[in-house]
Protein backbone atom coordinates (compact mmCIF):
# COMPACT_ATOMS: atom_id res chain seq x y z
CA UNK A 1 30.87 -62.50 80.76
CA UNK A 2 28.43 -60.84 78.42
CA UNK A 3 30.97 -60.79 75.61
CA UNK A 4 31.61 -64.28 76.02
CA UNK A 5 27.99 -65.03 76.25
CA UNK A 6 27.48 -62.81 73.13
CA UNK A 7 30.01 -64.56 71.11
CA UNK A 8 28.73 -68.01 71.85
CA UNK A 9 25.48 -66.97 70.90
CA UNK A 10 26.87 -65.43 67.73
CA UNK A 11 29.01 -68.65 66.94
CA UNK A 12 25.60 -70.71 67.45
CA UNK A 13 23.89 -68.55 64.76
CA UNK A 14 27.27 -69.49 62.40
CA UNK A 15 28.29 -65.51 62.71
CA UNK A 16 31.73 -66.63 63.74
CA UNK A 17 33.09 -63.59 62.19
CA UNK A 18 31.25 -61.55 64.42
CA UNK A 19 31.57 -63.63 67.29
CA UNK A 20 35.61 -63.47 67.04
CA UNK A 21 36.09 -59.77 68.74
CA UNK A 22 33.49 -60.71 71.20
CA UNK A 23 35.90 -63.23 72.48
CA UNK A 24 38.26 -61.00 72.19
CA UNK A 25 36.70 -58.22 74.33
CA UNK A 26 35.92 -60.69 77.04
CA UNK A 27 39.53 -61.65 77.15
CA UNK A 28 40.55 -57.99 77.07
CA UNK A 29 38.08 -57.51 80.41
CA UNK A 30 38.89 -60.45 81.98
CA UNK A 31 42.34 -62.46 80.59
CA UNK A 32 41.27 -65.31 83.29
CA UNK A 33 38.21 -66.38 81.35
CA UNK A 34 39.39 -69.74 79.91
CA UNK A 35 36.48 -70.48 77.76
CA UNK A 36 36.46 -67.37 76.37
CA UNK A 37 40.78 -68.02 75.63
CA UNK A 38 39.44 -71.49 74.39
CA UNK A 39 36.63 -70.29 72.09
CA UNK A 40 38.78 -67.28 70.45
CA UNK A 41 41.92 -69.71 69.99
CA UNK A 42 39.44 -72.10 68.16
CA UNK A 43 38.29 -69.47 66.18
CA UNK A 44 41.85 -68.30 65.16
CA UNK A 45 42.45 -71.90 63.85
CA UNK A 46 39.47 -71.71 61.66
CA UNK A 47 40.68 -68.52 60.42
CA UNK A 48 44.11 -69.42 59.60
CA UNK A 49 45.88 -68.35 62.13
CA UNK A 50 47.41 -71.34 63.88
CA UNK A 51 50.53 -69.45 65.43
CA UNK A 52 48.13 -66.99 67.54
CA UNK A 53 45.58 -69.77 68.11
CA UNK A 54 48.73 -72.11 69.27
CA UNK A 55 49.60 -69.17 71.97
CA UNK A 56 46.01 -69.08 73.01
CA UNK A 57 45.26 -72.62 73.28
CA UNK A 58 48.51 -73.20 75.11
CA UNK A 59 47.09 -71.29 77.85
CA UNK A 60 44.03 -72.97 77.88
CA UNK A 61 45.54 -76.72 78.09
CA UNK A 62 48.19 -75.48 80.61
CA UNK A 63 45.35 -73.91 83.04
CA UNK A 64 42.62 -76.84 82.75
CA UNK A 65 41.77 -80.23 81.32
CA UNK A 66 38.14 -78.87 81.22
CA UNK A 67 37.87 -78.51 77.41
CA UNK A 68 39.42 -81.43 75.58
CA UNK A 69 38.40 -79.56 72.44
CA UNK A 70 41.33 -77.18 73.25
CA UNK A 71 43.78 -79.79 72.62
CA UNK A 72 42.22 -80.72 69.67
CA UNK A 73 42.38 -77.11 68.26
CA UNK A 74 45.87 -76.88 69.60
CA UNK A 75 46.69 -80.58 67.94
CA UNK A 76 45.50 -78.91 64.92
CA UNK A 77 47.65 -75.37 65.08
CA UNK A 78 50.79 -77.08 66.28
CA UNK A 79 50.30 -79.34 63.02
CA UNK A 80 49.46 -76.61 60.89
CA UNK A 81 52.65 -74.59 61.89
CA UNK A 82 54.86 -77.61 61.76
CA UNK A 83 55.42 -78.90 65.11
CA UNK A 84 54.52 -82.63 64.21
CA UNK A 85 55.69 -84.06 67.23
CA UNK A 86 53.94 -81.65 69.44
CA UNK A 87 50.50 -81.92 67.98
CA UNK A 88 50.80 -85.89 68.24
CA UNK A 89 51.36 -85.51 71.95
CA UNK A 90 48.41 -82.95 72.09
CA UNK A 91 46.28 -84.83 69.95
CA UNK A 92 47.10 -88.06 71.96
CA UNK A 93 46.06 -85.89 75.13
CA UNK A 94 42.76 -84.99 73.76
CA UNK A 95 42.05 -88.74 72.87
CA UNK A 96 42.77 -89.54 76.51
CA UNK A 97 40.64 -86.87 78.00
CA UNK A 98 38.04 -87.68 75.74
CA UNK A 99 37.89 -90.77 73.35
CA UNK A 100 34.86 -89.67 71.38
CA UNK A 101 36.93 -87.20 69.74
CA UNK A 102 37.52 -89.05 66.42
CA UNK A 103 38.50 -85.82 64.59
CA UNK A 104 41.52 -85.86 67.21
CA UNK A 105 42.09 -89.30 65.95
CA UNK A 106 42.03 -88.07 62.60
CA UNK A 107 44.55 -85.21 62.93
CA UNK A 108 46.78 -87.52 64.91
CA UNK A 109 46.64 -90.07 62.01
CA UNK A 110 47.72 -87.08 59.65
CA UNK A 111 50.34 -86.03 61.79
CA UNK A 112 51.65 -89.66 62.09
CA UNK A 113 51.71 -89.93 58.43
CA UNK A 114 53.56 -86.34 57.86
CA UNK A 115 56.23 -87.87 60.27
CA UNK A 116 56.38 -91.30 57.78
CA UNK A 117 55.02 -92.96 61.05
CA UNK A 118 52.68 -95.57 58.65
CA UNK A 119 51.85 -98.19 61.13
CA UNK A 120 50.71 -95.39 63.80
CA UNK A 121 49.08 -93.26 61.33
CA UNK A 122 47.02 -96.08 59.83
CA UNK A 123 45.67 -97.17 63.58
CA UNK A 124 44.28 -93.85 64.39
CA UNK A 125 43.12 -93.09 60.78
CA UNK A 126 41.12 -96.22 61.03
CA UNK A 127 39.76 -95.41 64.46
CA UNK A 128 38.96 -92.05 63.23
CA UNK A 129 37.12 -93.53 59.80
CA UNK A 130 34.49 -95.52 61.19
CA UNK A 131 30.75 -95.22 60.33
CA UNK A 132 29.92 -93.16 62.85
CA UNK A 133 32.27 -90.13 61.25
CA UNK A 134 30.73 -90.80 57.79
CA UNK A 135 28.40 -87.28 58.13
CA UNK A 136 32.02 -85.66 59.23
CA UNK A 137 33.81 -83.23 56.51
CA UNK A 138 37.19 -84.57 57.14
CA UNK A 139 36.04 -88.55 56.67
CA UNK A 140 36.71 -88.77 52.85
CA UNK A 141 40.30 -87.29 53.89
CA UNK A 142 40.65 -89.88 56.67
CA UNK A 143 39.54 -92.75 54.09
CA UNK A 144 42.31 -91.40 51.59
CA UNK A 145 44.92 -91.19 54.39
CA UNK A 146 44.01 -94.20 55.57
CA UNK A 147 44.51 -95.98 52.21
CA UNK A 148 47.70 -94.36 51.84
CA UNK A 149 49.10 -95.67 54.94
CA UNK A 150 47.78 -99.14 54.32
CA UNK A 151 49.37 -99.26 50.80
CA UNK A 152 52.95 -97.98 52.34
CA UNK A 153 52.74 -100.41 55.08
CA UNK A 154 52.09 -103.25 52.58
CA UNK A 155 48.73 -104.27 53.52
CA UNK A 156 47.31 -104.12 49.91
CA UNK A 157 43.98 -105.49 50.88
CA UNK A 158 43.22 -102.65 53.78
CA UNK A 159 44.57 -100.04 51.54
CA UNK A 160 42.16 -101.10 48.47
CA UNK A 161 39.16 -101.22 51.06
CA UNK A 162 39.85 -97.71 52.25
CA UNK A 163 40.32 -96.37 48.91
CA UNK A 164 37.13 -98.36 47.45
CA UNK A 165 35.17 -96.27 50.59
CA UNK A 166 36.83 -93.12 49.61
CA UNK A 167 35.54 -93.23 46.06
CA UNK A 168 32.06 -94.10 47.45
CA UNK A 169 31.66 -91.07 49.70
CA UNK A 170 33.84 -88.29 47.94
CA UNK A 171 32.56 -85.47 45.87
CA UNK A 172 33.10 -85.86 42.11
CA UNK A 173 35.28 -83.07 42.47
CA UNK A 174 37.67 -84.21 45.27
CA UNK A 175 41.51 -84.19 43.86
CA UNK A 176 42.17 -87.66 45.74
CA UNK A 177 39.79 -89.30 43.28
CA UNK A 178 41.87 -89.92 40.26
CA UNK A 179 44.89 -91.22 42.64
CA UNK A 180 42.06 -93.73 44.43
CA UNK A 181 40.96 -95.18 41.36
CA UNK A 182 44.46 -95.67 40.35
CA UNK A 183 45.29 -97.07 43.52
CA UNK A 184 42.08 -99.40 43.26
CA UNK A 185 43.41 -100.62 40.24
CA UNK A 186 47.00 -101.48 41.13
CA UNK A 187 45.99 -102.82 44.05
CA UNK A 188 43.97 -106.10 42.58
């Protein structure tokens, strides 16, 4: 538990690289520390190791519903390794456990988009792209994909609104800006 606590303190202080081995040590000593398994898996996802992360997080989600965020991270990992239908199911479970997890809505919308389920993608992305998400780093992406999904659905007015909002909030260097500007002009 000392390693778990040390990892949490390091992570709190944005020292994620140093936190990862602390969680790993905690799990070596006590493989039943579900919280350490969740935090270790979450860092694995963020460090670009989705397969290893999925293995860790599957253990967490099978053991308990105490960490709804574990379902979000597992869904992210599953999406990253190309398991779209598993990601959708896992992210749906995260939303059932905690409807305030708007990032789960965003990730589920992306997974639906990637499986060509545009109406479901648009619904999830619309739920994610509310004003309460405006400070999230994924918010502009949610708007861009919402616009794309609405356009593919043939809902021109909603698509245009999403693209216009994207153009207001996206950074000047965002690669989606050219597409969004083109879409706004075409959707008049």
